[in-house]
Amino acid sequence: MSNTSVRETVSTLRESREAIHEGRIAIAEARVELRARYDRAQRRIDDIDRALDLLQEEGPETDLRELFGLLDSDGESPERAVGDRPDEEVGEAPAIPSR
């Protein structure tokens, strides 16, 4: 093999190694994101299960604010209660605008 061929082969191998390294980094990042999405989905399922349990336990006497709080949860905070959002106040329900 000539020196030029060896240099080209070495250069190609280095580029391949860099591409493999970048691919591994991308795969690791994708795994982290996938795990985060899975965890959020699982928390959402848990919230729905808690809402169903609440409905079964309390029936028509269910506190709707608590129920909607569970169903409105974004899965980020599994123990979020009504009033935990900055724009949400506990108390009277907002007035429905008249037409």
PDB file of N, CA and C in Angstrom:
ATOM      1  N   MET A   1       0.835  -1.180   0.000  1.00  0.00           N
ATOM      2  CA  MET A   1       0.000   0.000   0.000  1.00  0.00           C
ATOM      3  C   MET A   1       0.877   1.240   0.000  1.00  0.00           C
ATOM      4  N   SER A   2       0.450   2.222  -0.716  1.00  0.00           N
ATOM      5  CA  SER A   2       1.222   3.459  -0.747  1.00  0.00           C
ATOM      6  C   SER A   2       0.869   4.297   0.473  1.00  0.00           C
ATOM      7  N   ASN A   3       1.727   5.263   0.764  1.00  0.00           N
ATOM      8  CA  ASN A   3       1.494   6.158   1.907  1.00  0.00           C
ATOM      9  C   ASN A   3       0.179   6.921   1.760  1.00  0.00           C
ATOM     10  N   THR A   4      -0.162   7.298   0.541  1.00  0.00           N
ATOM     11  CA  THR A   4      -1.407   8.026   0.309  1.00  0.00           C
ATOM     12  C   THR A   4      -2.606   7.154   0.665  1.00  0.00           C
ATOM     13  N   SER A   5      -2.569   5.898   0.261  1.00  0.00           N
ATOM     14  CA  SER A   5      -3.668   4.980   0.567  1.00  0.00           C
ATOM     15  C   SER A   5      -3.797   4.761   2.068  1.00  0.00           C
ATOM     16  N   VAL A   6      -2.673   4.636   2.745  1.00  0.00           N
ATOM     17  CA  VAL A   6      -2.686   4.437   4.194  1.00  0.00           C
ATOM     18  C   VAL A   6      -3.268   5.672   4.874  1.00  0.00           C
ATOM     19  N   ARG A   7      -2.854   6.857   4.449  1.00  0.00           N
ATOM     20  CA  ARG A   7      -3.379   8.094   5.038  1.00  0.00           C
ATOM     21  C   ARG A   7      -4.895   8.211   4.825  1.00  0.00           C
ATOM     22  N   GLU A   8      -5.336   7.894   3.613  1.00  0.00           N
ATOM     23  CA  GLU A   8      -6.769   7.952   3.327  1.00  0.00           C
ATOM     24  C   GLU A   8      -7.540   6.951   4.184  1.00  0.00           C
ATOM     25  N   THR A   9      -6.989   5.764   4.349  1.00  0.00           N
ATOM     26  CA  THR A   9      -7.635   4.740   5.169  1.00  0.00           C
ATOM     27  C   THR A   9      -7.702   5.187   6.625  1.00  0.00           C
ATOM     28  N   VAL A  10      -6.608   5.729   7.140  1.00  0.00           N
ATOM     29  CA  VAL A  10      -6.575   6.215   8.521  1.00  0.00           C
ATOM     30  C   VAL A  10      -7.565   7.362   8.696  1.00  0.00           C
ATOM     31  N   SER A  11      -7.617   8.259   7.740  1.00  0.00           N
ATOM     32  CA  SER A  11      -8.549   9.381   7.800  1.00  0.00           C
ATOM     33  C   SER A  11      -9.998   8.879   7.812  1.00  0.00           C
ATOM     34  N   THR A  12     -10.279   7.913   6.959  1.00  0.00           N
ATOM     35  CA  THR A  12     -11.629   7.340   6.912  1.00  0.00           C
ATOM     36  C   THR A  12     -11.974   6.667   8.234  1.00  0.00           C
ATOM     37  N   LEU A  13     -11.022   5.949   8.808  1.00  0.00           N
ATOM     38  CA  LEU A  13     -11.257   5.285  10.093  1.00  0.00           C
ATOM     39  C   LEU A  13     -11.506   6.300  11.207  1.00  0.00           C
ATOM     40  N   ARG A  14     -10.779   7.396  11.199  1.00  0.00           N
ATOM     41  CA  ARG A  14     -10.991   8.444  12.214  1.00  0.00           C
ATOM     42  C   ARG A  14     -12.380   9.066  12.075  1.00  0.00           C
ATOM     43  N   GLU A  15     -12.763   9.350  10.839  1.00  0.00           N
ATOM     44  CA  GLU A  15     -14.097   9.908  10.605  1.00  0.00           C
ATOM     45  C   GLU A  15     -15.180   8.930  11.054  1.00  0.00           C
ATOM     46  N   SER A  16     -14.957   7.654  10.776  1.00  0.00           N
ATOM     47  CA  SER A  16     -15.924   6.637  11.197  1.00  0.00           C
ATOM     48  C   SER A  16     -16.005   6.567  12.719  1.00  0.00           C
ATOM     49  N   ARG A  17     -14.864   6.640  13.377  1.00  0.00           N
ATOM     50  CA  ARG A  17     -14.825   6.607  14.837  1.00  0.00           C
ATOM     51  C   ARG A  17     -15.574   7.804  15.417  1.00  0.00           C
ATOM     52  N   GLU A  18     -15.361   8.986  14.835  1.00  0.00           N
ATOM     53  CA  GLU A  18     -16.066  10.187  15.296  1.00  0.00           C
ATOM     54  C   GLU A  18     -17.575  10.050  15.083  1.00  0.00           C
ATOM     55  N   ALA A  19     -17.963   9.511  13.936  1.00  0.00           N
ATOM     56  CA  ALA A  19     -19.390   9.329  13.651  1.00  0.00           C
ATOM     57  C   ALA A  19     -20.013   8.336  14.630  1.00  0.00           C
ATOM     58  N   ILE A  20     -19.298   7.273  14.932  1.00  0.00           N
ATOM     59  CA  ILE A  20     -19.793   6.292  15.901  1.00  0.00           C
ATOM     60  C   ILE A  20     -19.936   6.941  17.273  1.00  0.00           C
ATOM     61  N   HIS A  21     -18.948   7.736  17.663  1.00  0.00           N
ATOM     62  CA  HIS A  21     -19.000   8.425  18.957  1.00  0.00           C
ATOM     63  C   HIS A  21     -20.206   9.364  19.020  1.00  0.00           C
ATOM     64  N   GLU A  22     -20.414  10.150  17.969  1.00  0.00           N
ATOM     65  CA  GLU A  22     -21.559  11.065  17.922  1.00  0.00           C
ATOM     66  C   GLU A  22     -22.877  10.290  17.941  1.00  0.00           C
ATOM     67  N   GLY A  23     -22.909   9.158  17.264  1.00  0.00           N
ATOM     68  CA  GLY A  23     -24.109   8.316  17.268  1.00  0.00           C
ATOM     69  C   GLY A  23     -24.410   7.780  18.652  1.00  0.00           C
ATOM     70  N   ARG A  24     -23.383   7.368  19.370  1.00  0.00           N
ATOM     71  CA  ARG A  24     -23.580   6.873  20.738  1.00  0.00           C
ATOM     72  C   ARG A  24     -24.107   7.974  21.655  1.00  0.00           C
ATOM     73  N   ILE A  25     -23.586   9.172  21.476  1.00  0.00           N
ATOM     74  CA  ILE A  25     -24.075  10.308  22.277  1.00  0.00           C
ATOM     75  C   ILE A  25     -25.550  10.561  21.962  1.00  0.00           C
ATOM     76  N   ALA A  26     -25.904  10.543  20.682  1.00  0.00           N
ATOM     77  CA  ALA A  26     -27.300  10.768  20.282  1.00  0.00           C
ATOM     78  C   ALA A  26     -28.214   9.684  20.852  1.00  0.00           C
ATOM     79  N   ILE A  27     -27.759   8.450  20.842  1.00  0.00           N
ATOM     80  CA  ILE A  27     -28.551   7.352  21.399  1.00  0.00           C
ATOM     81  C   ILE A  27     -28.744   7.543  22.896  1.00  0.00           C
ATOM     82  N   ALA A  28     -27.686   7.925  23.604  1.00  0.00           N
ATOM     83  CA  ALA A  28     -27.791   8.151  25.053  1.00  0.00           C
ATOM     84  C   ALA A  28     -28.771   9.282  25.357  1.00  0.00           C
ATOM     85  N   GLU A  29     -28.699  10.365  24.597  1.00  0.00           N
ATOM     86  CA  GLU A  29     -29.630  11.483  24.795  1.00  0.00           C
ATOM     87  C   GLU A  29     -31.065  11.053  24.509  1.00  0.00           C
ATOM     88  N   ALA A  30     -31.253  10.256  23.470  1.00  0.00           N
ATOM     89  CA  ALA A  30     -32.596   9.776  23.128  1.00  0.00           C
ATOM     90  C   ALA A  30     -33.141   8.873  24.232  1.00  0.00           C
ATOM     91  N   ARG A  31     -32.283   8.052  24.816  1.00  0.00           N
ATOM     92  CA  ARG A  31     -32.723   7.186  25.922  1.00  0.00           C
ATOM     93  C   ARG A  31     -33.179   8.009  27.119  1.00  0.00           C
ATOM     94  N   VAL A  32     -32.438   9.066  27.429  1.00  0.00           N
ATOM     95  CA  VAL A  32     -32.815   9.935  28.550  1.00  0.00           C
ATOM     96  C   VAL A  32     -34.173  10.574  28.277  1.00  0.00           C
ATOM     97  N   GLU A  33     -34.365  11.099  27.072  1.00  0.00           N
ATOM     98  CA  GLU A  33     -35.638  11.725  26.710  1.00  0.00           C
ATOM     99  C   GLU A  33     -36.773  10.707  26.720  1.00  0.00           C
ATOM    100  N   LEU A  34     -36.522   9.529  26.191  1.00  0.00           N
ATOM    101  CA  LEU A  34     -37.543   8.486  26.176  1.00  0.00           C
ATOM    102  C   LEU A  34     -37.941   8.099  27.594  1.00  0.00           C
ATOM    103  N   ARG A  35     -36.960   7.984  28.480  1.00  0.00           N
ATOM    104  CA  ARG A  35     -37.255   7.639  29.874  1.00  0.00           C
ATOM    105  C   ARG A  35     -38.088   8.736  30.536  1.00  0.00           C
ATOM    106  N   ALA A  36     -37.750   9.979  30.260  1.00  0.00           N
ATOM    107  CA  ALA A  36     -38.513  11.094  30.832  1.00  0.00           C
ATOM    108  C   ALA A  36     -39.954  11.067  30.318  1.00  0.00           C
ATOM    109  N   ARG A  37     -40.140  10.807  29.029  1.00  0.00           N
ATOM    110  CA  ARG A  37     -41.489  10.732  28.469  1.00  0.00           C
ATOM    111  C   ARG A  37     -42.258   9.558  29.066  1.00  0.00           C
ATOM    112  N   TYR A  38     -41.583   8.432  29.234  1.00  0.00           N
ATOM    113  CA  TYR A  38     -42.224   7.264  29.838  1.00  0.00           C
ATOM    114  C   TYR A  38     -42.653   7.574  31.268  1.00  0.00           C
ATOM    115  N   ASP A  39     -41.774   8.209  32.034  1.00  0.00           N
ATOM    116  CA  ASP A  39     -42.094   8.551  33.423  1.00  0.00           C
ATOM    117  C   ASP A  39     -43.286   9.504  33.495  1.00  0.00           C
ATOM    118  N   ARG A  40     -43.325  10.503  32.598  1.00  0.00           N
ATOM    119  CA  ARG A  40     -44.465  11.430  32.576  1.00  0.00           C
ATOM    120  C   ARG A  40     -45.759  10.688  32.245  1.00  0.00           C
ATOM    121  N   ALA A  41     -45.694   9.791  31.275  1.00  0.00           N
ATOM    122  CA  ALA A  41     -46.883   9.021  30.902  1.00  0.00           C
ATOM    123  C   ALA A  41     -47.333   8.134  32.063  1.00  0.00           C
ATOM    124  N   GLN A  42     -46.377   7.534  32.758  1.00  0.00           N
ATOM    125  CA  GLN A  42     -46.723   6.678  33.892  1.00  0.00           C
ATOM    126  C   GLN A  42     -47.363   7.488  35.013  1.00  0.00           C
ATOM    127  N   ARG A  43     -46.847   8.682  35.275  1.00  0.00           N
ATOM    128  CA  ARG A  43     -47.457   9.540  36.298  1.00  0.00           C
ATOM    129  C   ARG A  43     -48.875   9.931  35.890  1.00  0.00           C
ATOM    130  N   ARG A  44     -49.081  10.177  34.610  1.00  0.00           N
ATOM    131  CA  ARG A  44     -50.416  10.526  34.113  1.00  0.00           C
ATOM    132  C   ARG A  44     -51.378   9.356  34.322  1.00  0.00           C
ATOM    133  N   ILE A  45     -50.927   8.153  34.035  1.00  0.00           N
ATOM    134  CA  ILE A  45     -51.745   6.961  34.256  1.00  0.00           C
ATOM    135  C   ILE A  45     -52.064   6.811  35.739  1.00  0.00           C
ATOM    136  N   ASP A  46     -51.075   7.042  36.589  1.00  0.00           N
ATOM    137  CA  ASP A  46     -51.296   6.969  38.037  1.00  0.00           C
ATOM    138  C   ASP A  46     -52.326   8.000  38.488  1.00  0.00           C
ATOM    139  N   ASP A  47     -52.269   9.205  37.926  1.00  0.00           N
ATOM    140  CA  ASP A  47     -53.252  10.242  38.255  1.00  0.00           C
ATOM    141  C   ASP A  47     -54.664   9.798  37.863  1.00  0.00           C
ATOM    142  N   ILE A  48     -54.782   9.196  36.703  1.00  0.00           N
ATOM    143  CA  ILE A  48     -56.089   8.724  36.246  1.00  0.00           C
ATOM    144  C   ILE A  48     -56.588   7.603  37.151  1.00  0.00           C
ATOM    145  N   ASP A  49     -55.687   6.695  37.530  1.00  0.00           N
ATOM    146  CA  ASP A  49     -56.072   5.628  38.460  1.00  0.00           C
ATOM    147  C   ASP A  49     -56.559   6.197  39.788  1.00  0.00           C
ATOM    148  N   ARG A  50     -55.863   7.220  40.296  1.00  0.00           N
ATOM    149  CA  ARG A  50     -56.294   7.846  41.552  1.00  0.00           C
ATOM    150  C   ARG A  50     -57.653   8.522  41.385  1.00  0.00           C
ATOM    151  N   ALA A  51     -57.884   9.130  40.231  1.00  0.00           N
ATOM    152  CA  ALA A  51     -59.182   9.762  39.978  1.00  0.00           C
ATOM    153  C   ALA A  51     -60.291   8.711  39.947  1.00  0.00           C
ATOM    154  N   LEU A  52     -60.025   7.582  39.313  1.00  0.00           N
ATOM    155  CA  LEU A  52     -61.017   6.508  39.284  1.00  0.00           C
ATOM    156  C   LEU A  52     -61.291   5.968  40.683  1.00  0.00           C
ATOM    157  N   ASP A  53     -60.226   5.774  41.464  1.00  0.00           N
ATOM    158  CA  ASP A  53     -60.399   5.319  42.851  1.00  0.00           C
ATOM    159  C   ASP A  53     -61.241   6.313  43.640  1.00  0.00           C
ATOM    160  N   LEU A  54     -60.966   7.589  43.457  1.00  0.00           N
ATOM    161  CA  LEU A  54     -61.714   8.635  44.153  1.00  0.00           C
ATOM    162  C   LEU A  54     -63.200   8.569  43.784  1.00  0.00           C
ATOM    163  N   LEU A  55     -63.487   8.403  42.506  1.00  0.00           N
ATOM    164  CA  LEU A  55     -64.879   8.296  42.065  1.00  0.00           C
ATOM    165  C   LEU A  55     -65.561   7.058  42.646  1.00  0.00           C
ATOM    166  N   GLN A  56     -64.831   5.944  42.685  1.00  0.00           N
ATOM    167  CA  GLN A  56     -65.415   4.717  43.224  1.00  0.00           C
ATOM    168  C   GLN A  56     -65.662   4.830  44.724  1.00  0.00           C
ATOM    169  N   GLU A  57     -64.745   5.473  45.438  1.00  0.00           N
ATOM    170  CA  GLU A  57     -64.875   5.595  46.887  1.00  0.00           C
ATOM    171  C   GLU A  57     -65.966   6.586  47.286  1.00  0.00           C
ATOM    172  N   GLU A  58     -66.012   7.720  46.618  1.00  0.00           N
ATOM    173  CA  GLU A  58     -66.899   8.794  47.059  1.00  0.00           C
ATOM    174  C   GLU A  58     -68.158   8.937  46.221  1.00  0.00           C
ATOM    175  N   GLY A  59     -68.198   8.303  45.069  1.00  0.00           N
ATOM    176  CA  GLY A  59     -69.391   8.340  44.227  1.00  0.00           C
ATOM    177  C   GLY A  59     -69.815   9.757  43.895  1.00  0.00           C
ATOM    178  N   PRO A  60     -71.122  10.027  44.002  1.00  0.00           N
ATOM    179  CA  PRO A  60     -71.616  11.358  43.631  1.00  0.00           C
ATOM    180  C   PRO A  60     -71.159  12.459  44.582  1.00  0.00           C
ATOM    181  N   GLU A  61     -70.590  12.099  45.714  1.00  0.00           N
ATOM    182  CA  GLU A  61     -70.106  13.093  46.677  1.00  0.00           C
ATOM    183  C   GLU A  61     -68.657  13.510  46.396  1.00  0.00           C
ATOM    184  N   THR A  62     -68.111  13.074  45.275  1.00  0.00           N
ATOM    185  CA  THR A  62     -66.723  13.372  44.930  1.00  0.00           C
ATOM    186  C   THR A  62     -66.503  14.876  44.807  1.00  0.00           C
ATOM    187  N   ASP A  63     -65.423  15.347  45.402  1.00  0.00           N
ATOM    188  CA  ASP A  63     -65.033  16.756  45.290  1.00  0.00           C
ATOM    189  C   ASP A  63     -64.524  16.977  43.865  1.00  0.00           C
ATOM    190  N   LEU A  64     -65.275  17.736  43.092  1.00  0.00           N
ATOM    191  CA  LEU A  64     -64.923  17.930  41.685  1.00  0.00           C
ATOM    192  C   LEU A  64     -63.598  18.647  41.510  1.00  0.00           C
ATOM    193  N   ARG A  65     -63.263  19.558  42.424  1.00  0.00           N
ATOM    194  CA  ARG A  65     -61.969  20.248  42.307  1.00  0.00           C
ATOM    195  C   ARG A  65     -60.828  19.250  42.439  1.00  0.00           C
ATOM    196  N   GLU A  66     -60.968  18.332  43.381  1.00  0.00           N
ATOM    197  CA  GLU A  66     -59.928  17.320  43.561  1.00  0.00           C
ATOM    198  C   GLU A  66     -59.862  16.405  42.342  1.00  0.00           C
ATOM    199  N   LEU A  67     -61.019  16.001  41.848  1.00  0.00           N
ATOM    200  CA  LEU A  67     -61.081  15.130  40.681  1.00  0.00           C
ATOM    201  C   LEU A  67     -60.462  15.801  39.457  1.00  0.00           C
ATOM    202  N   PHE A  68     -60.880  17.043  39.184  1.00  0.00           N
ATOM    203  CA  PHE A  68     -60.323  17.748  38.032  1.00  0.00           C
ATOM    204  C   PHE A  68     -58.844  18.049  38.229  1.00  0.00           C
ATOM    205  N   GLY A  69     -58.438  18.256  39.467  1.00  0.00           N
ATOM    206  CA  GLY A  69     -57.017  18.459  39.746  1.00  0.00           C
ATOM    207  C   GLY A  69     -56.197  17.252  39.345  1.00  0.00           C
ATOM    208  N   LEU A  70     -56.725  16.062  39.611  1.00  0.00           N
ATOM    209  CA  LEU A  70     -56.028  14.843  39.206  1.00  0.00           C
ATOM    210  C   LEU A  70     -56.026  14.683  37.692  1.00  0.00           C
ATOM    211  N   LEU A  71     -57.168  14.953  37.078  1.00  0.00           N
ATOM    212  CA  LEU A  71     -57.272  14.756  35.635  1.00  0.00           C
ATOM    213  C   LEU A  71     -56.578  15.850  34.840  1.00  0.00           C
ATOM    214  N   ASP A  72     -56.424  17.022  35.434  1.00  0.00           N
ATOM    215  CA  ASP A  72     -55.790  18.146  34.752  1.00  0.00           C
ATOM    216  C   ASP A  72     -54.279  18.129  34.924  1.00  0.00           C
ATOM    217  N   SER A  73     -53.799  17.229  35.735  1.00  0.00           N
ATOM    218  CA  SER A  73     -52.366  17.154  36.001  1.00  0.00           C
ATOM    219  C   SER A  73     -51.606  16.879  34.711  1.00  0.00           C
ATOM    220  N   ASP A  74     -50.440  17.484  34.577  1.00  0.00           N
ATOM    221  CA  ASP A  74     -49.623  17.293  33.379  1.00  0.00           C
ATOM    222  C   ASP A  74     -48.639  16.146  33.533  1.00  0.00           C
ATOM    223  N   GLY A  75     -48.680  15.442  34.643  1.00  0.00           N
ATOM    224  CA  GLY A  75     -47.760  14.339  34.857  1.00  0.00           C
ATOM    225  C   GLY A  75     -46.424  14.768  35.409  1.00  0.00           C
ATOM    226  N   GLU A  76     -46.199  16.057  35.557  1.00  0.00           N
ATOM    227  CA  GLU A  76     -44.924  16.548  36.074  1.00  0.00           C
ATOM    228  C   GLU A  76     -44.840  16.421  37.583  1.00  0.00           C
ATOM    229  N   SER A  77     -45.942  16.665  38.248  1.00  0.00           N
ATOM    230  CA  SER A  77     -45.952  16.638  39.700  1.00  0.00           C
ATOM    231  C   SER A  77     -47.067  15.708  40.157  1.00  0.00           C
ATOM    232  N   PRO A  78     -46.729  14.470  40.515  1.00  0.00           N
ATOM    233  CA  PRO A  78     -47.771  13.500  40.814  1.00  0.00           C
ATOM    234  C   PRO A  78     -48.615  13.852  42.027  1.00  0.00           C
ATOM    235  N   GLU A  79     -48.112  14.664  42.920  1.00  0.00           N
ATOM    236  CA  GLU A  79     -48.856  15.001  44.125  1.00  0.00           C
ATOM    237  C   GLU A  79     -49.461  16.396  44.050  1.00  0.00           C
ATOM    238  N   ARG A  80     -49.571  16.964  42.852  1.00  0.00           N
ATOM    239  CA  ARG A  80     -50.096  18.311  42.695  1.00  0.00           C
ATOM    240  C   ARG A  80     -51.526  18.376  43.193  1.00  0.00           C
ATOM    241  N   ALA A  81     -51.800  19.382  43.969  1.00  0.00           N
ATOM    242  CA  ALA A  81     -53.155  19.601  44.474  1.00  0.00           C
ATOM    243  C   ALA A  81     -53.728  20.852  43.833  1.00  0.00           C
ATOM    244  N   VAL A  82     -55.025  21.005  43.932  1.00  0.00           N
ATOM    245  CA  VAL A  82     -55.670  22.207  43.414  1.00  0.00           C
ATOM    246  C   VAL A  82     -55.068  23.407  44.116  1.00  0.00           C
ATOM    247  N   GLY A  83     -54.749  24.433  43.359  1.00  0.00           N
ATOM    248  CA  GLY A  83     -54.167  25.637  43.932  1.00  0.00           C
ATOM    249  C   GLY A  83     -52.656  25.675  43.856  1.00  0.00           C
ATOM    250  N   ASP A  84     -52.026  24.614  43.352  1.00  0.00           N
ATOM    251  CA  ASP A  84     -50.568  24.598  43.259  1.00  0.00           C
ATOM    252  C   ASP A  84     -50.041  25.392  42.077  1.00  0.00           C
ATOM    253  N   ARG A  85     -50.865  25.629  41.087  1.00  0.00           N
ATOM    254  CA  ARG A  85     -50.419  26.413  39.940  1.00  0.00           C
ATOM    255  C   ARG A  85     -50.497  27.881  40.305  1.00  0.00           C
ATOM    256  N   PRO A  86     -49.559  28.689  39.832  1.00  0.00           N
ATOM    257  CA  PRO A  86     -49.558  30.109  40.181  1.00  0.00           C
ATOM    258  C   PRO A  86     -50.819  30.839  39.744  1.00  0.00           C
ATOM    259  N   ASP A  87     -51.433  30.419  38.650  1.00  0.00           N
ATOM    260  CA  ASP A  87     -52.604  31.122  38.139  1.00  0.00           C
ATOM    261  C   ASP A  87     -53.914  30.513  38.631  1.00  0.00           C
ATOM    262  N   GLU A  88     -53.820  29.612  39.601  1.00  0.00           N
ATOM    263  CA  GLU A  88     -54.995  28.896  40.065  1.00  0.00           C
ATOM    264  C   GLU A  88     -55.247  29.210  41.530  1.00  0.00           C
ATOM    265  N   GLU A  89     -56.447  29.624  41.841  1.00  0.00           N
ATOM    266  CA  GLU A  89     -56.791  29.939  43.218  1.00  0.00           C
ATOM    267  C   GLU A  89     -57.788  28.922  43.736  1.00  0.00           C
ATOM    268  N   VAL A  90     -57.649  28.612  44.991  1.00  0.00           N
ATOM    269  CA  VAL A  90     -58.613  27.739  45.634  1.00  0.00           C
ATOM    270  C   VAL A  90     -59.744  28.616  46.124  1.00  0.00           C
ATOM    271  N   GLY A  91     -60.925  28.163  45.986  1.00  0.00           N
ATOM    272  CA  GLY A  91     -62.069  28.948  46.439  1.00  0.00           C
ATOM    273  C   GLY A  91     -63.206  28.787  45.468  1.00  0.00           C
ATOM    274  N   GLU A  92     -63.864  29.875  45.198  1.00  0.00           N
ATOM    275  CA  GLU A  92     -65.014  29.824  44.311  1.00  0.00           C
ATOM    276  C   GLU A  92     -64.582  29.535  42.879  1.00  0.00           C
ATOM    277  N   ALA A  93     -65.457  28.857  42.175  1.00  0.00           N
ATOM    278  CA  ALA A  93     -65.197  28.574  40.767  1.00  0.00           C
ATOM    279  C   ALA A  93     -65.284  29.870  39.979  1.00  0.00           C
ATOM    280  N   PRO A  94     -64.536  29.989  38.892  1.00  0.00           N
ATOM    281  CA  PRO A  94     -64.603  31.210  38.093  1.00  0.00           C
ATOM    282  C   PRO A  94     -65.995  31.389  37.503  1.00  0.00           C
ATOM    283  N   ALA A  95     -66.392  32.630  37.370  1.00  0.00           N
ATOM    284  CA  ALA A  95     -67.712  32.940  36.821  1.00  0.00           C
ATOM    285  C   ALA A  95     -67.743  32.613  35.338  1.00  0.00           C
ATOM    286  N   ILE A  96     -68.874  32.118  34.904  1.00  0.00           N
ATOM    287  CA  ILE A  96     -69.055  31.825  33.485  1.00  0.00           C
ATOM    288  C   ILE A  96     -69.553  33.103  32.824  1.00  0.00           C
ATOM    289  N   PRO A  97     -68.854  33.579  31.790  1.00  0.00           N
ATOM    290  CA  PRO A  97     -69.266  34.830  31.150  1.00  0.00           C
ATOM    291  C   PRO A  97     -70.649  34.688  30.524  1.00  0.00           C
ATOM    292  N   SER A  98     -71.442  35.733  30.649  1.00  0.00           N
ATOM    293  CA  SER A  98     -72.776  35.715  30.042  1.00  0.00           C
ATOM    294  C   SER A  98     -72.678  36.197  28.606  1.00  0.00           C
ATOM    295  N   ARG A  99     -73.615  35.763  27.804  1.00  0.00           N
ATOM    296  CA  ARG A  99     -73.588  36.130  26.379  1.00  0.00           C
ATOM    297  C   ARG A  99     -74.380  37.348  26.114  1.00  0.00           C
TER     298      ARG A  99
END
